[in-house]
C-alpha atoms as a PDB file:
ATOM      1  CA  MET A   1       6.408  40.713 -54.591  1.00  0.00           C
ATOM      2  CA  THR A   2       3.774  38.643 -52.783  1.00  0.00           C
ATOM      3  CA  ASP A   3       1.157  36.890 -54.888  1.00  0.00           C
ATOM      4  CA  PRO A   4      -2.065  38.697 -53.904  1.00  0.00           C
ATOM      5  CA  GLU A   5      -4.077  35.462 -54.244  1.00  0.00           C
ATOM      6  CA  ARG A   6      -1.808  33.459 -51.918  1.00  0.00           C
ATOM      7  CA  GLU A   7      -2.875  33.266 -48.314  1.00  0.00           C
ATOM      8  CA  LEU A   8       0.014  34.037 -46.010  1.00  0.00           C
ATOM      9  CA  ASN A   9       0.751  32.172 -42.823  1.00  0.00           C
ATOM     10  CA  PHE A  10       1.190  34.921 -40.223  1.00  0.00           C
ATOM     11  CA  ALA A  11       3.854  33.292 -38.075  1.00  0.00           C
ATOM     12  CA  ARG A  12       5.739  31.653 -40.928  1.00  0.00           C
ATOM     13  CA  GLU A  13       6.012  35.011 -42.707  1.00  0.00           C
ATOM     14  CA  ILE A  14       7.628  36.476 -39.577  1.00  0.00           C
ATOM     15  CA  ILE A  15       9.898  33.619 -38.373  1.00  0.00           C
ATOM     16  CA  GLY A  16      10.652  31.821 -41.637  1.00  0.00           C
ATOM     17  CA  GLN A  17      12.562  28.631 -40.909  1.00  0.00           C
ATOM     18  CA  ARG A  18      13.851  29.885 -37.522  1.00  0.00           C
ATOM     19  CA  GLY A  19      12.556  28.916 -34.127  1.00  0.00           C
ATOM     20  CA  TYR A  20      10.387  31.589 -32.536  1.00  0.00           C
ATOM     21  CA  ARG A  21      13.038  32.120 -29.830  1.00  0.00           C
ATOM     22  CA  ASP A  22      15.592  33.017 -32.484  1.00  0.00           C
ATOM     23  CA  VAL A  23      13.596  35.958 -33.827  1.00  0.00           C
ATOM     24  CA  PRO A  24      14.240  39.276 -32.011  1.00  0.00           C
ATOM     25  CA  THR A  25      11.199  40.860 -30.435  1.00  0.00           C
ATOM     26  CA  ASP A  26      11.626  44.103 -32.423  1.00  0.00           C
ATOM     27  CA  GLU A  27      11.624  42.113 -35.653  1.00  0.00           C
ATOM     28  CA  VAL A  28       8.444  40.277 -34.667  1.00  0.00           C
ATOM     29  CA  LEU A  29       6.747  43.560 -33.833  1.00  0.00           C
ATOM     30  CA  ARG A  30       7.910  45.290 -37.039  1.00  0.00           C
ATOM     31  CA  GLU A  31       6.890  42.355 -39.275  1.00  0.00           C
ATOM     32  CA  ALA A  32       3.598  41.785 -37.471  1.00  0.00           C
ATOM     33  CA  GLU A  33       2.738  45.448 -37.976  1.00  0.00           C
ATOM     34  CA  ARG A  34       3.598  45.249 -41.644  1.00  0.00           C
ATOM     35  CA  LEU A  35       1.541  42.097 -42.158  1.00  0.00           C
ATOM     36  CA  LEU A  36      -1.451  43.318 -40.145  1.00  0.00           C
ATOM     37  CA  ASN A  37      -1.450  46.698 -41.907  1.00  0.00           C
ATOM     38  CA  GLY A  38      -1.297  44.911 -45.284  1.00  0.00           C
ATOM     39  CA  TRP A  39      -4.039  42.529 -44.259  1.00  0.00           C
ATOM     40  CA  MET A  40      -6.317  45.359 -43.034  1.00  0.00           C
ATOM     41  CA  ALA A  41      -5.640  47.307 -46.280  1.00  0.00           C
ATOM     42  CA  GLY A  42      -6.486  44.295 -48.374  1.00  0.00           C
ATOM     43  CA  ASP A  43      -2.950  43.994 -49.743  1.00  0.00           C
ATOM     44  CA  PHE A  44      -2.399  40.543 -48.189  1.00  0.00           C
ATOM     45  CA  ARG A  45      -4.610  37.581 -47.602  1.00  0.00           C
ATOM     46  CA  MET A  46      -3.988  35.581 -44.433  1.00  0.00           C
ATOM     47  CA  GLU A  47      -4.783  32.036 -43.545  1.00  0.00           C
ATOM     48  CA  ARG A  48      -7.636  32.854 -41.201  1.00  0.00           C
ATOM     49  CA  PRO A  49      -7.244  29.946 -38.781  1.00  0.00           C
ATOM     50  CA  LYS A  50      -3.498  30.534 -38.659  1.00  0.00           C
ATOM     51  CA  LEU A  51      -3.914  34.248 -38.165  1.00  0.00           C
ATOM     52  CA  TYR A  52      -5.888  33.698 -34.976  1.00  0.00           C
ATOM     53  CA  ASP A  53      -3.627  30.838 -33.802  1.00  0.00           C
ATOM     54  CA  HIS A  54      -0.457  32.831 -34.386  1.00  0.00           C
ATOM     55  CA  TYR A  55      -1.517  35.929 -32.542  1.00  0.00           C
ATOM     56  CA  ALA A  56       0.362  34.175 -29.727  1.00  0.00           C
ATOM     57  CA  LEU A  57       3.634  35.153 -31.468  1.00  0.00           C
ATOM     58  CA  LEU A  58       2.658  38.783 -31.497  1.00  0.00           C
ATOM     59  CA  LEU A  59       1.296  38.706 -27.959  1.00  0.00           C
ATOM     60  CA  LEU A  60       4.533  37.132 -26.692  1.00  0.00           C
ATOM     61  CA  ALA A  61       6.599  39.831 -28.371  1.00  0.00           C
ATOM     62  CA  LEU A  62       4.422  42.560 -26.884  1.00  0.00           C
ATOM     63  CA  LEU A  63       4.699  41.021 -23.390  1.00  0.00           C
ATOM     64  CA  GLN A  64       8.505  40.802 -23.763  1.00  0.00           C
ATOM     65  CA  LYS A  65       8.720  44.425 -24.930  1.00  0.00           C
ATOM     66  CA  ASN A  66       6.441  45.514 -22.130  1.00  0.00           C
ATOM     67  CA  ARG A  67       8.641  43.714 -19.547  1.00  0.00           C
ATOM     68  CA  GLU A  68      11.744  45.327 -21.035  1.00  0.00           C
ATOM     69  CA  LEU A  69      10.179  48.809 -20.875  1.00  0.00           C
ATOM     70  CA  GLU A  70       8.981  48.261 -17.286  1.00  0.00           C
ATOM     71  CA  MET A  71      12.519  47.300 -16.227  1.00  0.00           C
ATOM     72  CA  ARG A  72      13.933  50.427 -17.929  1.00  0.00           C
ATOM     73  CA  VAL A  73      11.353  52.678 -16.252  1.00  0.00           C
ATOM     74  CA  GLU A  74      12.106  51.085 -12.860  1.00  0.00           C
ATOM     75  CA  ALA A  75      15.860  51.601 -13.334  1.00  0.00           C
ATOM     76  CA  LEU A  76      15.272  55.264 -14.285  1.00  0.00           C
ATOM     77  CA  GLU A  77      12.999  55.758 -11.294  1.00  0.00           C
ATOM     78  CA  GLN A  78      15.564  54.231  -8.925  1.00  0.00           C
ATOM     79  CA  ARG A  79      18.340  56.355 -10.433  1.00  0.00           C
ATOM     80  CA  ASN A  80      16.276  59.542 -10.002  1.00  0.00           C
ATOM     81  CA  ALA A  81      15.075  58.728  -6.523  1.00  0.00           C
END
């Protein structure tokens, strides 16, 4: 259980001791959603400067997922053409 008074570091909560390249995109998205939902609901406190700085982690995961989905759509379109 997370101490409700402790401010969480957004990226550190997601990647732990791993390098950001070692964390699968789906895990980043799932954990980011959990943390942001908890933060918005008031369940978690976040280190404000870190939250803004570490949006890059979430943005990178979203860009990677978007690229993956675009490639899948393109493959399907080519297959059905």
